[in-house]
Amino acid sequence: MYAIIQNGGKQYKVQEGDILLLDKMSLEPKATVEITEVLAVNAGELKVGAPFVEGAKVTLEVINEGRDKKVVIFKKRRRKDSKVKRGFRRDFTRVRITKIAA
């Protein structure tokens, strides 16, 4: 059984027991979250919502919060004496999928 959920403008295909990095939610570890923005559920047969599946929800358990590794953005325009170096670290919430209810 799997589901496709939406969080923070992104879509994720999840199954029970999966560990996922979502955008930061500012929650304590061991807290539970229910996501009702379920786009599709496959429990033997595929149910697709328009845009969301009625009555479907995915339960998550928060593991921890943290920051990803730094991603370096470097832009250089040759022969123009122009260069820009920037860094970016994404804040995330690590969650475990505990239950998918169709």
N, C-alpha and C. Protein backbone atom coordinates (compact mmCIF):
# COMPACT_ATOMS: atom_id res chain seq x y z
N MET A 1 0.85 -1.18 0.00
CA MET A 1 0.00 0.00 0.00
C MET A 1 0.89 1.23 0.00
N TYR A 2 0.59 2.17 -0.89
CA TYR A 2 1.34 3.41 -0.91
C TYR A 2 0.39 4.57 -1.13
N ALA A 3 0.90 5.78 -0.85
CA ALA A 3 0.11 6.99 -1.06
C ALA A 3 1.02 8.06 -1.62
N ILE A 4 0.43 9.01 -2.30
CA ILE A 4 1.16 10.17 -2.78
C ILE A 4 0.61 11.37 -2.03
N ILE A 5 1.49 12.03 -1.26
CA ILE A 5 1.06 13.15 -0.43
C ILE A 5 1.71 14.44 -0.92
N GLN A 6 1.14 15.56 -0.49
CA GLN A 6 1.65 16.86 -0.85
C GLN A 6 2.02 17.60 0.43
N ASN A 7 3.22 18.18 0.45
CA ASN A 7 3.66 18.95 1.61
C ASN A 7 4.65 20.00 1.15
N GLY A 8 4.37 21.25 1.46
CA GLY A 8 5.29 22.32 1.10
C GLY A 8 5.46 22.51 -0.39
N GLY A 9 4.42 22.24 -1.17
CA GLY A 9 4.51 22.42 -2.62
C GLY A 9 5.21 21.28 -3.33
N LYS A 10 5.60 20.23 -2.59
CA LYS A 10 6.26 19.09 -3.19
C LYS A 10 5.41 17.84 -2.97
N GLN A 11 5.61 16.84 -3.81
CA GLN A 11 4.85 15.60 -3.72
C GLN A 11 5.78 14.45 -3.40
N TYR A 12 5.32 13.55 -2.54
CA TYR A 12 6.12 12.42 -2.10
C TYR A 12 5.32 11.13 -2.21
N LYS A 13 5.96 10.06 -2.68
CA LYS A 13 5.35 8.73 -2.69
C LYS A 13 5.82 8.03 -1.43
N VAL A 14 4.87 7.63 -0.56
CA VAL A 14 5.24 7.08 0.74
C VAL A 14 4.57 5.73 0.98
N GLN A 15 5.22 4.91 1.80
CA GLN A 15 4.68 3.65 2.29
C GLN A 15 4.86 3.64 3.79
N GLU A 16 4.14 2.74 4.48
CA GLU A 16 4.29 2.65 5.93
C GLU A 16 5.72 2.25 6.27
N GLY A 17 6.30 2.93 7.27
CA GLY A 17 7.65 2.65 7.70
C GLY A 17 8.71 3.50 7.02
N ASP A 18 8.35 4.24 5.97
CA ASP A 18 9.32 5.10 5.28
C ASP A 18 9.75 6.26 6.18
N ILE A 19 10.98 6.72 5.97
CA ILE A 19 11.48 7.90 6.66
C ILE A 19 11.65 8.99 5.60
N LEU A 20 11.18 10.19 5.93
CA LEU A 20 11.05 11.26 4.95
C LEU A 20 11.59 12.55 5.53
N LEU A 21 12.18 13.40 4.70
CA LEU A 21 12.61 14.73 5.12
C LEU A 21 11.64 15.74 4.53
N LEU A 22 10.83 16.37 5.39
CA LEU A 22 9.88 17.39 4.97
C LEU A 22 10.39 18.76 5.37
N ASP A 23 9.74 19.80 4.87
CA ASP A 23 10.10 21.15 5.28
C ASP A 23 9.85 21.31 6.78
N LYS A 24 10.60 22.21 7.41
CA LYS A 24 10.56 22.36 8.86
C LYS A 24 9.15 22.68 9.34
N MET A 25 8.69 21.94 10.38
CA MET A 25 7.35 22.11 10.93
C MET A 25 7.36 22.63 12.37
N SER A 26 8.53 22.76 13.00
CA SER A 26 8.66 23.23 14.39
C SER A 26 7.84 22.39 15.36
N LEU A 27 8.09 21.08 15.38
CA LEU A 27 7.40 20.16 16.26
C LEU A 27 8.41 19.42 17.13
N GLU A 28 7.94 18.93 18.28
CA GLU A 28 8.78 18.16 19.19
C GLU A 28 8.95 16.73 18.67
N PRO A 29 10.07 16.08 19.00
CA PRO A 29 10.20 14.66 18.65
C PRO A 29 9.10 13.83 19.32
N LYS A 30 8.70 12.74 18.69
CA LYS A 30 7.63 11.82 19.13
C LYS A 30 6.23 12.40 18.93
N ALA A 31 6.12 13.61 18.38
CA ALA A 31 4.80 14.19 18.10
C ALA A 31 4.22 13.51 16.86
N THR A 32 2.89 13.47 16.76
CA THR A 32 2.25 12.88 15.59
C THR A 32 1.57 13.98 14.77
N VAL A 33 1.58 13.78 13.47
CA VAL A 33 1.01 14.75 12.53
C VAL A 33 0.14 13.97 11.56
N GLU A 34 -1.00 14.54 11.19
CA GLU A 34 -1.86 13.92 10.17
C GLU A 34 -1.87 14.82 8.94
N ILE A 35 -1.59 14.23 7.79
CA ILE A 35 -1.63 14.95 6.53
C ILE A 35 -2.87 14.48 5.77
N THR A 36 -3.73 15.44 5.44
CA THR A 36 -4.96 15.10 4.71
C THR A 36 -4.85 15.45 3.23
N GLU A 37 -3.74 16.07 2.83
CA GLU A 37 -3.52 16.40 1.42
C GLU A 37 -2.96 15.17 0.70
N VAL A 38 -3.83 14.16 0.53
CA VAL A 38 -3.44 12.91 -0.12
C VAL A 38 -3.95 12.96 -1.55
N LEU A 39 -3.03 12.88 -2.50
CA LEU A 39 -3.40 12.99 -3.92
C LEU A 39 -3.85 11.67 -4.51
N ALA A 40 -3.27 10.56 -4.02
CA ALA A 40 -3.63 9.24 -4.54
C ALA A 40 -3.30 8.18 -3.49
N VAL A 41 -4.11 7.11 -3.48
CA VAL A 41 -3.87 5.99 -2.57
C VAL A 41 -4.01 4.71 -3.38
N ASN A 42 -3.06 3.77 -3.18
CA ASN A 42 -3.14 2.48 -3.84
C ASN A 42 -3.22 1.41 -2.76
N ALA A 43 -4.42 0.84 -2.57
CA ALA A 43 -4.62 -0.26 -1.63
C ALA A 43 -5.25 -1.39 -2.43
N GLY A 44 -4.50 -1.97 -3.33
CA GLY A 44 -5.06 -2.98 -4.22
C GLY A 44 -5.53 -2.34 -5.52
N GLU A 45 -6.28 -1.26 -5.40
CA GLU A 45 -6.68 -0.49 -6.58
C GLU A 45 -6.35 0.98 -6.33
N LEU A 46 -6.07 1.69 -7.39
CA LEU A 46 -5.62 3.07 -7.28
C LEU A 46 -6.81 4.02 -7.19
N LYS A 47 -6.81 4.86 -6.13
CA LYS A 47 -7.81 5.92 -5.99
C LYS A 47 -7.10 7.25 -6.19
N VAL A 48 -7.57 8.02 -7.16
CA VAL A 48 -6.96 9.31 -7.45
C VAL A 48 -7.96 10.39 -7.09
N GLY A 49 -7.51 11.40 -6.37
CA GLY A 49 -8.38 12.48 -5.94
C GLY A 49 -8.45 13.60 -6.97
N ALA A 50 -9.40 14.50 -6.74
CA ALA A 50 -9.54 15.66 -7.62
C ALA A 50 -9.78 16.89 -6.77
N PRO A 51 -8.82 17.54 -6.16
CA PRO A 51 -7.40 17.21 -6.17
C PRO A 51 -6.99 16.25 -5.06
N PHE A 52 -7.80 16.12 -3.98
CA PHE A 52 -7.41 15.24 -2.88
C PHE A 52 -8.42 14.11 -2.72
N VAL A 53 -7.98 12.97 -2.20
CA VAL A 53 -8.84 11.82 -1.97
C VAL A 53 -9.67 12.08 -0.71
N GLU A 54 -10.99 11.91 -0.81
CA GLU A 54 -11.89 12.15 0.32
C GLU A 54 -11.65 11.13 1.42
N GLY A 55 -11.48 11.61 2.65
CA GLY A 55 -11.36 10.73 3.81
C GLY A 55 -10.01 10.04 3.98
N ALA A 56 -9.08 10.28 3.08
CA ALA A 56 -7.77 9.65 3.19
C ALA A 56 -6.85 10.53 4.03
N LYS A 57 -6.03 9.88 4.86
CA LYS A 57 -5.05 10.63 5.63
C LYS A 57 -3.84 9.76 5.91
N VAL A 58 -2.71 10.42 6.11
CA VAL A 58 -1.45 9.74 6.39
C VAL A 58 -0.97 10.26 7.75
N THR A 59 -0.65 9.33 8.66
CA THR A 59 -0.18 9.69 9.99
C THR A 59 1.34 9.58 10.03
N LEU A 60 1.98 10.63 10.56
CA LEU A 60 3.42 10.71 10.63
C LEU A 60 3.86 10.85 12.08
N GLU A 61 5.05 10.32 12.40
CA GLU A 61 5.65 10.52 13.71
C GLU A 61 6.96 11.28 13.51
N VAL A 62 7.13 12.38 14.25
CA VAL A 62 8.32 13.21 14.12
C VAL A 62 9.50 12.51 14.80
N ILE A 63 10.61 12.39 14.09
CA ILE A 63 11.82 11.80 14.65
C ILE A 63 12.72 12.90 15.20
N ASN A 64 13.09 13.87 14.36
CA ASN A 64 13.88 15.00 14.81
C ASN A 64 13.83 16.11 13.77
N GLU A 65 14.48 17.22 14.10
CA GLU A 65 14.62 18.33 13.16
C GLU A 65 16.10 18.62 12.99
N GLY A 66 16.46 19.20 11.87
CA GLY A 66 17.87 19.50 11.64
C GLY A 66 18.06 20.34 10.40
N ARG A 67 19.32 20.39 9.96
CA ARG A 67 19.67 21.13 8.75
C ARG A 67 20.49 20.23 7.84
N ASP A 68 20.23 20.34 6.53
CA ASP A 68 20.96 19.57 5.54
C ASP A 68 22.38 20.08 5.38
N LYS A 69 23.15 19.36 4.57
CA LYS A 69 24.48 19.83 4.20
C LYS A 69 24.35 21.09 3.35
N LYS A 70 25.41 21.88 3.36
CA LYS A 70 25.38 23.11 2.58
C LYS A 70 25.47 22.81 1.09
N VAL A 71 24.65 23.49 0.32
CA VAL A 71 24.69 23.42 -1.14
C VAL A 71 25.31 24.73 -1.59
N VAL A 72 26.38 24.65 -2.37
CA VAL A 72 27.07 25.85 -2.84
C VAL A 72 26.58 26.20 -4.23
N ILE A 73 26.14 27.46 -4.40
CA ILE A 73 25.70 27.96 -5.69
C ILE A 73 26.78 28.92 -6.19
N PHE A 74 27.43 28.57 -7.28
CA PHE A 74 28.51 29.40 -7.81
C PHE A 74 28.20 29.76 -9.25
N LYS A 75 28.12 31.06 -9.52
CA LYS A 75 27.84 31.53 -10.88
C LYS A 75 29.04 32.35 -11.35
N LYS A 76 29.48 32.07 -12.58
CA LYS A 76 30.61 32.81 -13.13
C LYS A 76 30.33 33.11 -14.59
N ARG A 77 30.55 34.34 -14.94
CA ARG A 77 30.40 34.75 -16.34
C ARG A 77 31.81 34.99 -16.88
N ARG A 78 32.21 34.17 -17.82
CA ARG A 78 33.60 34.23 -18.29
C ARG A 78 33.89 35.56 -18.99
N ARG A 79 35.09 36.02 -18.80
CA ARG A 79 35.62 37.26 -19.38
C ARG A 79 34.87 38.51 -18.93
N LYS A 80 34.01 38.44 -17.92
CA LYS A 80 33.24 39.60 -17.49
C LYS A 80 33.64 40.08 -16.09
N ASP A 81 34.59 39.38 -15.44
CA ASP A 81 34.98 39.69 -14.06
C ASP A 81 33.74 39.70 -13.16
N SER A 82 32.89 38.69 -13.34
CA SER A 82 31.65 38.61 -12.59
C SER A 82 31.50 37.21 -12.02
N LYS A 83 31.44 37.12 -10.71
CA LYS A 83 31.19 35.83 -10.08
C LYS A 83 30.46 36.04 -8.77
N VAL A 84 29.59 35.05 -8.43
CA VAL A 84 28.79 35.09 -7.22
C VAL A 84 28.86 33.71 -6.57
N LYS A 85 29.15 33.67 -5.28
CA LYS A 85 29.17 32.42 -4.54
C LYS A 85 28.21 32.54 -3.38
N ARG A 86 27.24 31.65 -3.33
CA ARG A 86 26.25 31.65 -2.26
C ARG A 86 26.12 30.24 -1.70
N GLY A 87 25.70 30.15 -0.45
CA GLY A 87 25.46 28.85 0.17
C GLY A 87 24.03 28.78 0.66
N PHE A 88 23.51 27.56 0.79
CA PHE A 88 22.13 27.36 1.23
C PHE A 88 22.06 26.09 2.05
N ARG A 89 21.43 26.16 3.22
CA ARG A 89 21.19 24.97 4.05
C ARG A 89 19.70 24.89 4.32
N ARG A 90 19.11 23.77 3.97
CA ARG A 90 17.67 23.58 4.13
C ARG A 90 17.37 23.08 5.54
N ASP A 91 16.38 23.70 6.21
CA ASP A 91 15.88 23.20 7.48
C ASP A 91 14.86 22.11 7.17
N PHE A 92 14.91 21.00 7.93
CA PHE A 92 14.00 19.90 7.65
C PHE A 92 13.46 19.31 8.94
N THR A 93 12.37 18.56 8.80
CA THR A 93 11.81 17.73 9.86
C THR A 93 11.83 16.30 9.35
N ARG A 94 12.51 15.41 10.08
CA ARG A 94 12.58 14.00 9.69
C ARG A 94 11.39 13.29 10.32
N VAL A 95 10.58 12.61 9.49
CA VAL A 95 9.36 11.93 9.98
C VAL A 95 9.35 10.48 9.52
N ARG A 96 8.60 9.66 10.24
CA ARG A 96 8.38 8.26 9.87
C ARG A 96 6.90 8.10 9.57
N ILE A 97 6.56 7.41 8.49
CA ILE A 97 5.16 7.15 8.12
C ILE A 97 4.69 5.98 8.99
N THR A 98 3.66 6.23 9.82
CA THR A 98 3.17 5.18 10.72
C THR A 98 1.90 4.52 10.19
N LYS A 99 1.04 5.27 9.50
CA LYS A 99 -0.23 4.68 9.06
C LYS A 99 -0.76 5.42 7.84
N ILE A 100 -1.29 4.65 6.90
CA ILE A 100 -1.97 5.20 5.74
C ILE A 100 -3.42 4.73 5.80
N ALA A 101 -4.35 5.68 5.93
CA ALA A 101 -5.77 5.33 6.03
C ALA A 101 -6.47 5.81 4.77
N ALA A 102 -7.06 4.86 4.04
CA ALA A 102 -7.80 5.21 2.83
C ALA A 102 -9.25 5.38 3.22
